[in-house]
Amino acid sequence: MLASASIEAGSTSGKKQRTGSPNQAQIKWRTGAQERIYNRRLIEALRAARGAARPGAHAVKEAADSALALTARGQSRWSRAILTSRLRRRKLLVKAVGRIRRRRRSPVPSKRDPAAMKVGRVVPGCRSLPAPTLLEEAADYVAALEMQVKAMRALADALSSARIASPESEAAES
């Protein structure tokens, strides 16, 4: 049996079950091609965010998240949730005018594990997933966030070294 896929014994449907390990998600996000694609998209998104309506950190976070979701190409639930949340937010702004308030129902106590519920709240689009699927999505999301941190750290280092180098070159010319 392969580690990435196994056929359930006694199943007549012949479908394969995915038993992917978190290492697969990390390997996927650590390829040089994925990093280059993400870096390019991040820089493009940050340039576009300069003139955005949302100032500062919100614009940077939105740009980084959307670049990450685009790099994932909608193959994971969290990436689709990030991409569609931007569309919903725009629609909500339009619908917010003249909205009638309604009473909210009291929340029904859940039978789910509290730890799984917390993980589901952290990973976009994964609040109502069963535990095995939630863990796969969370592993993929964490690997993607690690790549995002690495890219943003490299970008910050490059910008800070460019700032340090520019005053020295100006002082040398004077």
N, C-alpha and C. Protein backbone atom coordinates (compact mmCIF):
# COMPACT_ATOMS: atom_id res chain seq x y z
N MET A 1 0.83 -1.20 0.00
CA MET A 1 0.00 0.00 0.00
C MET A 1 0.86 1.24 0.00
N LEU A 2 0.44 2.23 -0.71
CA LEU A 2 1.17 3.49 -0.75
C LEU A 2 0.83 4.34 0.45
N ALA A 3 1.74 5.22 0.85
CA ALA A 3 1.48 6.10 1.99
C ALA A 3 0.50 7.19 1.64
N SER A 4 0.45 7.59 0.36
CA SER A 4 -0.40 8.72 -0.02
C SER A 4 -1.84 8.31 -0.29
N ALA A 5 -2.07 7.06 -0.65
CA ALA A 5 -3.43 6.64 -0.92
C ALA A 5 -3.57 5.16 -0.59
N SER A 6 -4.69 4.81 0.00
CA SER A 6 -4.93 3.41 0.31
C SER A 6 -6.35 3.06 -0.06
N ILE A 7 -6.55 1.82 -0.46
CA ILE A 7 -7.89 1.37 -0.81
C ILE A 7 -8.46 0.68 0.41
N GLU A 8 -9.65 1.09 0.74
CA GLU A 8 -10.30 0.55 1.93
C GLU A 8 -10.68 -0.91 1.66
N ALA A 9 -10.25 -1.81 2.53
CA ALA A 9 -10.57 -3.22 2.37
C ALA A 9 -12.05 -3.43 2.62
N GLY A 10 -12.69 -4.21 1.80
CA GLY A 10 -14.10 -4.47 1.98
C GLY A 10 -14.99 -3.45 1.30
N SER A 11 -14.43 -2.45 0.67
CA SER A 11 -15.22 -1.45 -0.03
C SER A 11 -15.46 -1.93 -1.45
N THR A 12 -16.69 -1.88 -1.91
CA THR A 12 -17.00 -2.33 -3.26
C THR A 12 -16.97 -1.19 -4.26
N SER A 13 -16.90 0.04 -3.78
CA SER A 13 -16.92 1.18 -4.70
C SER A 13 -15.60 1.37 -5.42
N GLY A 14 -14.49 0.89 -4.83
CA GLY A 14 -13.20 1.02 -5.47
C GLY A 14 -12.60 2.41 -5.37
N LYS A 15 -13.19 3.28 -4.57
CA LYS A 15 -12.66 4.63 -4.42
C LYS A 15 -11.46 4.61 -3.50
N LYS A 16 -10.53 5.51 -3.78
CA LYS A 16 -9.34 5.62 -2.94
C LYS A 16 -9.59 6.63 -1.84
N GLN A 17 -9.07 6.33 -0.67
CA GLN A 17 -9.14 7.28 0.43
C GLN A 17 -7.82 7.99 0.53
N ARG A 18 -7.88 9.27 0.77
CA ARG A 18 -6.66 10.05 0.92
C ARG A 18 -6.20 9.97 2.37
N THR A 19 -4.99 9.54 2.53
CA THR A 19 -4.41 9.52 3.87
C THR A 19 -3.11 10.31 3.81
N GLY A 20 -3.19 11.50 3.27
CA GLY A 20 -2.01 12.34 3.09
C GLY A 20 -1.42 12.78 4.42
N SER A 21 -0.13 12.90 4.43
CA SER A 21 0.55 13.36 5.64
C SER A 21 0.82 14.85 5.53
N PRO A 22 1.03 15.52 6.66
CA PRO A 22 1.35 16.94 6.62
C PRO A 22 2.62 17.23 5.82
N ASN A 23 3.50 16.24 5.69
CA ASN A 23 4.73 16.45 4.93
C ASN A 23 4.44 16.75 3.47
N GLN A 24 3.38 16.16 2.90
CA GLN A 24 3.03 16.42 1.52
C GLN A 24 2.70 17.89 1.32
N ALA A 25 1.97 18.47 2.25
CA ALA A 25 1.61 19.88 2.15
C ALA A 25 2.85 20.75 2.26
N GLN A 26 3.74 20.39 3.16
CA GLN A 26 4.96 21.18 3.32
C GLN A 26 5.84 21.07 2.08
N ILE A 27 5.94 19.88 1.50
CA ILE A 27 6.75 19.71 0.30
C ILE A 27 6.17 20.54 -0.84
N LYS A 28 4.86 20.54 -0.97
CA LYS A 28 4.20 21.29 -2.04
C LYS A 28 4.52 22.77 -1.95
N TRP A 29 4.52 23.32 -0.75
CA TRP A 29 4.75 24.75 -0.59
C TRP A 29 6.21 25.13 -0.55
N ARG A 30 7.10 24.17 -0.43
CA ARG A 30 8.52 24.49 -0.34
C ARG A 30 9.25 24.36 -1.66
N THR A 31 8.56 24.08 -2.73
CA THR A 31 9.24 24.00 -4.02
C THR A 31 9.66 25.38 -4.46
N GLY A 32 10.75 25.45 -5.18
CA GLY A 32 11.25 26.74 -5.64
C GLY A 32 10.27 27.43 -6.57
N ALA A 33 9.59 26.66 -7.40
CA ALA A 33 8.63 27.25 -8.34
C ALA A 33 7.48 27.91 -7.59
N GLN A 34 6.95 27.23 -6.57
CA GLN A 34 5.85 27.81 -5.79
C GLN A 34 6.29 29.09 -5.10
N GLU A 35 7.50 29.09 -4.56
CA GLU A 35 8.00 30.28 -3.88
C GLU A 35 8.16 31.44 -4.85
N ARG A 36 8.70 31.16 -6.04
CA ARG A 36 8.87 32.24 -7.03
C ARG A 36 7.52 32.79 -7.48
N ILE A 37 6.56 31.91 -7.69
CA ILE A 37 5.22 32.35 -8.10
C ILE A 37 4.61 33.22 -7.01
N TYR A 38 4.72 32.75 -5.76
CA TYR A 38 4.15 33.53 -4.65
C TYR A 38 4.85 34.87 -4.50
N ASN A 39 6.18 34.88 -4.58
CA ASN A 39 6.92 36.14 -4.44
C ASN A 39 6.49 37.16 -5.50
N ARG A 40 6.35 36.69 -6.74
CA ARG A 40 5.92 37.59 -7.82
C ARG A 40 4.51 38.13 -7.54
N ARG A 41 3.60 37.24 -7.15
CA ARG A 41 2.23 37.67 -6.87
C ARG A 41 2.15 38.59 -5.66
N LEU A 42 2.98 38.33 -4.66
CA LEU A 42 2.99 39.18 -3.47
C LEU A 42 3.44 40.60 -3.82
N ILE A 43 4.49 40.72 -4.60
CA ILE A 43 4.98 42.05 -4.98
C ILE A 43 3.94 42.78 -5.83
N GLU A 44 3.31 42.06 -6.77
CA GLU A 44 2.25 42.69 -7.58
C GLU A 44 1.09 43.14 -6.71
N ALA A 45 0.69 42.31 -5.75
CA ALA A 45 -0.44 42.66 -4.88
C ALA A 45 -0.10 43.83 -3.98
N LEU A 46 1.14 43.89 -3.49
CA LEU A 46 1.54 45.01 -2.64
C LEU A 46 1.59 46.32 -3.43
N ARG A 47 2.03 46.24 -4.67
CA ARG A 47 2.02 47.44 -5.52
C ARG A 47 0.60 47.92 -5.76
N ALA A 48 -0.31 46.98 -6.00
CA ALA A 48 -1.71 47.34 -6.23
C ALA A 48 -2.36 47.86 -4.95
N ALA A 49 -1.88 47.42 -3.80
CA ALA A 49 -2.47 47.82 -2.52
C ALA A 49 -2.11 49.24 -2.12
N ARG A 50 -1.12 49.82 -2.77
CA ARG A 50 -0.74 51.20 -2.42
C ARG A 50 -1.91 52.16 -2.53
N GLY A 51 -2.69 52.05 -3.57
CA GLY A 51 -3.82 52.95 -3.77
C GLY A 51 -5.13 52.39 -3.26
N ALA A 52 -5.07 51.39 -2.40
CA ALA A 52 -6.28 50.74 -1.90
C ALA A 52 -7.02 51.64 -0.91
N ALA A 53 -8.30 51.36 -0.75
CA ALA A 53 -9.12 52.14 0.17
C ALA A 53 -8.76 51.84 1.63
N ARG A 54 -8.35 50.60 1.90
CA ARG A 54 -7.98 50.21 3.27
C ARG A 54 -6.51 50.55 3.49
N PRO A 55 -6.21 51.37 4.46
CA PRO A 55 -4.83 51.80 4.66
C PRO A 55 -4.00 50.80 5.48
N GLY A 56 -2.70 50.91 5.35
CA GLY A 56 -1.75 50.25 6.23
C GLY A 56 -1.77 48.75 6.28
N ALA A 57 -1.79 48.24 7.50
CA ALA A 57 -1.63 46.81 7.74
C ALA A 57 -2.76 45.99 7.12
N HIS A 58 -3.98 46.53 7.09
CA HIS A 58 -5.09 45.79 6.49
C HIS A 58 -4.84 45.53 5.01
N ALA A 59 -4.34 46.53 4.32
CA ALA A 59 -4.07 46.38 2.89
C ALA A 59 -2.95 45.37 2.66
N VAL A 60 -1.92 45.40 3.49
CA VAL A 60 -0.81 44.46 3.35
C VAL A 60 -1.29 43.04 3.63
N LYS A 61 -2.09 42.86 4.68
CA LYS A 61 -2.60 41.53 5.01
C LYS A 61 -3.49 40.99 3.90
N GLU A 62 -4.37 41.84 3.39
CA GLU A 62 -5.24 41.42 2.29
C GLU A 62 -4.43 41.04 1.06
N ALA A 63 -3.42 41.85 0.75
CA ALA A 63 -2.58 41.58 -0.42
C ALA A 63 -1.83 40.26 -0.26
N ALA A 64 -1.27 40.03 0.92
CA ALA A 64 -0.51 38.80 1.17
C ALA A 64 -1.43 37.58 1.14
N ASP A 65 -2.60 37.69 1.74
CA ASP A 65 -3.54 36.57 1.76
C ASP A 65 -4.06 36.24 0.37
N SER A 66 -4.40 37.27 -0.40
CA SER A 66 -4.92 37.01 -1.74
C SER A 66 -3.84 36.43 -2.64
N ALA A 67 -2.59 36.88 -2.49
CA ALA A 67 -1.50 36.31 -3.28
C ALA A 67 -1.29 34.84 -2.90
N LEU A 68 -1.41 34.53 -1.62
CA LEU A 68 -1.26 33.15 -1.16
C LEU A 68 -2.39 32.27 -1.71
N ALA A 69 -3.60 32.79 -1.68
CA ALA A 69 -4.75 32.02 -2.18
C ALA A 69 -4.66 31.81 -3.69
N LEU A 70 -4.20 32.82 -4.41
CA LEU A 70 -4.04 32.68 -5.85
C LEU A 70 -2.95 31.66 -6.18
N THR A 71 -1.91 31.63 -5.39
CA THR A 71 -0.83 30.67 -5.61
C THR A 71 -1.33 29.25 -5.37
N ALA A 72 -2.24 29.08 -4.42
CA ALA A 72 -2.82 27.75 -4.14
C ALA A 72 -3.80 27.34 -5.23
N ARG A 73 -4.18 28.26 -6.10
CA ARG A 73 -5.05 28.02 -7.26
C ARG A 73 -6.41 27.44 -6.89
N GLY A 74 -6.92 27.78 -5.71
CA GLY A 74 -8.24 27.33 -5.32
C GLY A 74 -8.35 25.83 -5.10
N GLN A 75 -7.23 25.14 -4.93
CA GLN A 75 -7.28 23.69 -4.74
C GLN A 75 -7.63 23.32 -3.31
N SER A 76 -7.47 24.24 -2.39
CA SER A 76 -7.80 23.95 -1.00
C SER A 76 -8.99 24.80 -0.57
N ARG A 77 -9.64 24.35 0.46
CA ARG A 77 -10.83 25.04 0.94
C ARG A 77 -10.49 26.43 1.47
N TRP A 78 -9.35 26.56 2.18
CA TRP A 78 -8.97 27.85 2.75
C TRP A 78 -8.67 28.86 1.66
N SER A 79 -8.09 28.43 0.55
CA SER A 79 -7.78 29.39 -0.51
C SER A 79 -9.06 29.89 -1.19
N ARG A 80 -10.02 28.99 -1.38
CA ARG A 80 -11.31 29.42 -1.95
C ARG A 80 -12.04 30.36 -1.01
N ALA A 81 -11.93 30.11 0.30
CA ALA A 81 -12.58 30.98 1.29
C ALA A 81 -11.98 32.38 1.26
N ILE A 82 -10.67 32.48 1.14
CA ILE A 82 -10.02 33.79 1.08
C ILE A 82 -10.44 34.54 -0.17
N LEU A 83 -10.45 33.84 -1.30
CA LEU A 83 -10.80 34.50 -2.56
C LEU A 83 -12.26 34.94 -2.59
N THR A 84 -13.17 34.14 -2.04
CA THR A 84 -14.58 34.52 -2.07
C THR A 84 -14.93 35.53 -0.99
N SER A 85 -14.14 35.59 0.09
CA SER A 85 -14.46 36.55 1.15
C SER A 85 -14.31 37.98 0.66
N ARG A 86 -13.38 38.21 -0.25
CA ARG A 86 -13.22 39.56 -0.80
C ARG A 86 -14.46 39.97 -1.58
N LEU A 87 -15.03 39.03 -2.34
CA LEU A 87 -16.23 39.33 -3.10
C LEU A 87 -17.42 39.57 -2.17
N ARG A 88 -17.56 38.74 -1.14
CA ARG A 88 -18.66 38.91 -0.19
C ARG A 88 -18.57 40.24 0.54
N ARG A 89 -17.36 40.64 0.89
CA ARG A 89 -17.18 41.89 1.63
C ARG A 89 -17.67 43.07 0.78
N ARG A 90 -17.38 43.04 -0.50
CA ARG A 90 -17.85 44.12 -1.38
C ARG A 90 -19.37 44.12 -1.47
N LYS A 91 -19.98 42.93 -1.57
CA LYS A 91 -21.44 42.85 -1.64
C LYS A 91 -22.08 43.31 -0.34
N LEU A 92 -21.46 42.98 0.80
CA LEU A 92 -22.01 43.40 2.09
C LEU A 92 -21.98 44.91 2.24
N LEU A 93 -20.97 45.57 1.70
CA LEU A 93 -20.92 47.02 1.78
C LEU A 93 -22.10 47.64 1.03
N VAL A 94 -22.46 47.04 -0.09
CA VAL A 94 -23.60 47.54 -0.85
C VAL A 94 -24.90 47.25 -0.12
N LYS A 95 -25.03 46.06 0.45
CA LYS A 95 -26.26 45.66 1.12
C LYS A 95 -26.43 46.31 2.49
N ALA A 96 -25.37 46.84 3.07
CA ALA A 96 -25.43 47.37 4.44
C ALA A 96 -26.36 48.56 4.57
N VAL A 97 -26.53 49.31 3.51
CA VAL A 97 -27.39 50.49 3.56
C VAL A 97 -28.85 50.02 3.61
N GLY A 98 -29.61 50.51 4.59
CA GLY A 98 -31.03 50.19 4.70
C GLY A 98 -31.30 48.78 5.17
N ARG A 99 -30.40 48.19 5.88
CA ARG A 99 -30.58 46.82 6.34
C ARG A 99 -31.44 46.79 7.60
N ILE A 100 -32.34 45.84 7.67
CA ILE A 100 -33.20 45.68 8.83
C ILE A 100 -32.54 44.70 9.78
N ARG A 101 -32.49 45.07 11.05
CA ARG A 101 -31.87 44.19 12.04
C ARG A 101 -32.86 43.12 12.46
N ARG A 102 -32.35 41.92 12.56
CA ARG A 102 -33.16 40.80 13.01
C ARG A 102 -32.52 40.20 14.24
N ARG A 103 -33.34 39.57 15.06
CA ARG A 103 -32.82 38.91 16.25
C ARG A 103 -32.02 37.68 15.84
N ARG A 104 -30.92 37.51 16.49
CA ARG A 104 -30.11 36.32 16.23
C ARG A 104 -30.59 35.19 17.13
N ARG A 105 -30.53 34.00 16.59
CA ARG A 105 -30.87 32.83 17.39
C ARG A 105 -29.73 32.54 18.35
N SER A 106 -30.10 32.00 19.50
CA SER A 106 -29.05 31.63 20.45
C SER A 106 -28.29 30.43 19.89
N PRO A 107 -26.99 30.41 20.07
CA PRO A 107 -26.21 29.31 19.49
C PRO A 107 -26.54 27.97 20.14
N VAL A 108 -26.62 26.94 19.32
CA VAL A 108 -26.90 25.60 19.79
C VAL A 108 -25.58 24.98 20.25
N PRO A 109 -25.55 24.38 21.44
CA PRO A 109 -24.30 23.76 21.88
C PRO A 109 -23.84 22.67 20.91
N SER A 110 -22.58 22.68 20.60
CA SER A 110 -22.03 21.76 19.61
C SER A 110 -21.49 20.50 20.27
N LYS A 111 -21.53 19.40 19.52
CA LYS A 111 -20.99 18.14 20.01
C LYS A 111 -19.54 17.96 19.56
N ARG A 112 -19.02 18.92 18.83
CA ARG A 112 -17.65 18.82 18.33
C ARG A 112 -16.64 19.08 19.43
N ASP A 113 -15.45 18.59 19.21
CA ASP A 113 -14.33 18.80 20.12
C ASP A 113 -13.98 20.29 20.15
N PRO A 114 -13.86 20.89 21.33
CA PRO A 114 -13.54 22.33 21.41
C PRO A 114 -12.22 22.69 20.73
N ALA A 115 -11.24 21.81 20.80
CA ALA A 115 -9.95 22.09 20.15
C ALA A 115 -10.11 22.12 18.64
N ALA A 116 -10.90 21.20 18.10
CA ALA A 116 -11.14 21.18 16.66
C ALA A 116 -11.91 22.43 16.22
N MET A 117 -12.81 22.88 17.07
CA MET A 117 -13.56 24.10 16.74
C MET A 117 -12.63 25.30 16.69
N LYS A 118 -11.65 25.37 17.59
CA LYS A 118 -10.69 26.48 17.58
C LYS A 118 -9.83 26.45 16.33
N VAL A 119 -9.38 25.27 15.94
CA VAL A 119 -8.59 25.15 14.71
C VAL A 119 -9.44 25.54 13.51
N GLY A 120 -10.70 25.14 13.51
CA GLY A 120 -11.60 25.47 12.41
C GLY A 120 -11.83 26.97 12.28
N ARG A 121 -11.77 27.70 13.39
CA ARG A 121 -11.93 29.15 13.33
C ARG A 121 -10.69 29.84 12.80
N VAL A 122 -9.53 29.24 13.01
CA VAL A 122 -8.27 29.85 12.58
C VAL A 122 -8.05 29.67 11.08
N VAL A 123 -8.40 28.51 10.55
CA VAL A 123 -8.19 28.22 9.13
C VAL A 123 -9.40 28.72 8.36
N PRO A 124 -9.22 29.62 7.39
CA PRO A 124 -10.36 30.17 6.65
C PRO A 124 -11.17 29.09 5.95
N GLY A 125 -12.50 29.19 6.09
CA GLY A 125 -13.41 28.29 5.39
C GLY A 125 -13.52 26.89 5.97
N CYS A 126 -13.04 26.68 7.18
CA CYS A 126 -13.00 25.32 7.73
C CYS A 126 -13.77 25.17 9.04
N ARG A 127 -14.75 26.00 9.28
CA ARG A 127 -15.47 25.93 10.56
C ARG A 127 -16.29 24.67 10.71
N SER A 128 -16.84 24.15 9.64
CA SER A 128 -17.77 23.02 9.77
C SER A 128 -17.23 21.72 9.18
N LEU A 129 -15.93 21.58 9.11
CA LEU A 129 -15.36 20.37 8.52
C LEU A 129 -15.20 19.27 9.56
N PRO A 130 -15.26 18.01 9.11
CA PRO A 130 -14.94 16.91 10.03
C PRO A 130 -13.45 16.92 10.35
N ALA A 131 -13.09 16.31 11.46
CA ALA A 131 -11.72 16.39 11.98
C ALA A 131 -10.63 15.96 10.99
N PRO A 132 -10.75 14.83 10.28
CA PRO A 132 -9.66 14.46 9.37
C PRO A 132 -9.43 15.47 8.25
N THR A 133 -10.51 15.96 7.67
CA THR A 133 -10.38 16.95 6.61
C THR A 133 -9.84 18.26 7.16
N LEU A 134 -10.29 18.62 8.35
CA LEU A 134 -9.81 19.84 8.99
C LEU A 134 -8.31 19.78 9.22
N LEU A 135 -7.81 18.63 9.65
CA LEU A 135 -6.37 18.50 9.89
C LEU A 135 -5.57 18.60 8.59
N GLU A 136 -6.09 18.03 7.49
CA GLU A 136 -5.41 18.16 6.20
C GLU A 136 -5.35 19.63 5.76
N GLU A 137 -6.49 20.31 5.87
CA GLU A 137 -6.54 21.72 5.48
C GLU A 137 -5.63 22.57 6.36
N ALA A 138 -5.63 22.29 7.66
CA ALA A 138 -4.79 23.05 8.59
C ALA A 138 -3.31 22.84 8.28
N ALA A 139 -2.93 21.61 7.97
CA ALA A 139 -1.52 21.33 7.64
C ALA A 139 -1.11 22.07 6.37
N ASP A 140 -1.99 22.09 5.38
CA ASP A 140 -1.70 22.79 4.14
C ASP A 140 -1.61 24.30 4.38
N TYR A 141 -2.52 24.82 5.20
CA TYR A 141 -2.54 26.26 5.49
C TYR A 141 -1.29 26.68 6.27
N VAL A 142 -0.88 25.86 7.23
CA VAL A 142 0.32 26.19 8.01
C VAL A 142 1.56 26.18 7.12
N ALA A 143 1.66 25.20 6.22
CA ALA A 143 2.80 25.16 5.30
C ALA A 143 2.80 26.39 4.39
N ALA A 144 1.62 26.80 3.94
CA ALA A 144 1.53 27.99 3.10
C ALA A 144 1.90 29.24 3.88
N LEU A 145 1.47 29.32 5.13
CA LEU A 145 1.83 30.48 5.95
C LEU A 145 3.32 30.53 6.24
N GLU A 146 3.95 29.37 6.40
CA GLU A 146 5.40 29.35 6.59
C GLU A 146 6.11 29.94 5.37
N MET A 147 5.63 29.58 4.18
CA MET A 147 6.21 30.13 2.97
C MET A 147 5.97 31.64 2.90
N GLN A 148 4.78 32.07 3.33
CA GLN A 148 4.45 33.49 3.32
C GLN A 148 5.37 34.26 4.25
N VAL A 149 5.61 33.74 5.43
CA VAL A 149 6.49 34.40 6.40
C VAL A 149 7.90 34.48 5.83
N LYS A 150 8.37 33.41 5.22
CA LYS A 150 9.71 33.40 4.64
C LYS A 150 9.84 34.46 3.54
N ALA A 151 8.83 34.55 2.69
CA ALA A 151 8.87 35.53 1.60
C ALA A 151 8.80 36.96 2.13
N MET A 152 7.94 37.20 3.11
CA MET A 152 7.81 38.56 3.65
C MET A 152 9.05 38.95 4.45
N ARG A 153 9.68 38.00 5.12
CA ARG A 153 10.92 38.28 5.84
C ARG A 153 12.03 38.65 4.85
N ALA A 154 12.11 37.93 3.73
CA ALA A 154 13.11 38.23 2.71
C ALA A 154 12.85 39.60 2.09
N LEU A 155 11.58 39.92 1.88
CA LEU A 155 11.22 41.23 1.32
C LEU A 155 11.57 42.35 2.29
N ALA A 156 11.28 42.15 3.57
CA ALA A 156 11.61 43.16 4.58
C ALA A 156 13.12 43.35 4.69
N ASP A 157 13.88 42.26 4.64
CA ASP A 157 15.34 42.36 4.68
C ASP A 157 15.87 43.11 3.47
N ALA A 158 15.32 42.82 2.30
CA ALA A 158 15.77 43.50 1.08
C ALA A 158 15.46 45.00 1.15
N LEU A 159 14.27 45.34 1.65
CA LEU A 159 13.91 46.75 1.74
C LEU A 159 14.75 47.48 2.79
N SER A 160 15.03 46.82 3.90
CA SER A 160 15.84 47.48 4.93
C SER A 160 17.28 47.64 4.48
N SER A 161 17.82 46.68 3.76
CA SER A 161 19.19 46.83 3.26
C SER A 161 19.25 47.89 2.16
N ALA A 162 18.18 48.04 1.39
CA ALA A 162 18.14 49.09 0.36
C ALA A 162 18.10 50.47 1.02
N ARG A 163 17.38 50.58 2.14
CA ARG A 163 17.33 51.86 2.85
C ARG A 163 18.67 52.21 3.46
N ILE A 164 19.35 51.21 3.99
CA ILE A 164 20.65 51.44 4.61
C ILE A 164 21.67 51.82 3.54
N ALA A 165 21.60 51.19 2.39
CA ALA A 165 22.56 51.45 1.33
C ALA A 165 22.35 52.81 0.68
N SER A 166 21.13 53.28 0.59
CA SER A 166 20.87 54.55 -0.11
C SER A 166 21.43 55.77 0.63
N PRO A 167 21.33 55.92 1.96
CA PRO A 167 21.94 57.09 2.60
C PRO A 167 23.47 57.08 2.49
N GLU A 168 24.09 55.90 2.52
CA GLU A 168 25.54 55.83 2.40
C GLU A 168 26.00 56.29 1.03
N SER A 169 25.27 55.88 0.00
CA SER A 169 25.67 56.27 -1.35
C SER A 169 25.46 57.77 -1.57
N GLU A 170 24.41 58.33 -0.95
CA GLU A 170 24.19 59.77 -1.06
C GLU A 170 25.26 60.55 -0.32
N ALA A 171 25.70 60.05 0.84
CA ALA A 171 26.74 60.72 1.62
C ALA A 171 28.08 60.65 0.91
N ALA A 172 28.35 59.56 0.21
CA ALA A 172 29.61 59.41 -0.50
C ALA A 172 29.69 60.35 -1.69
N GLU A 173 28.54 60.64 -2.32
CA GLU A 173 28.51 61.52 -3.48
C GLU A 173 28.69 62.98 -3.08
N SER A 174 28.32 63.34 -1.85
CA SER A 174 28.38 64.74 -1.42
C SER A 174 29.75 65.22 -1.11
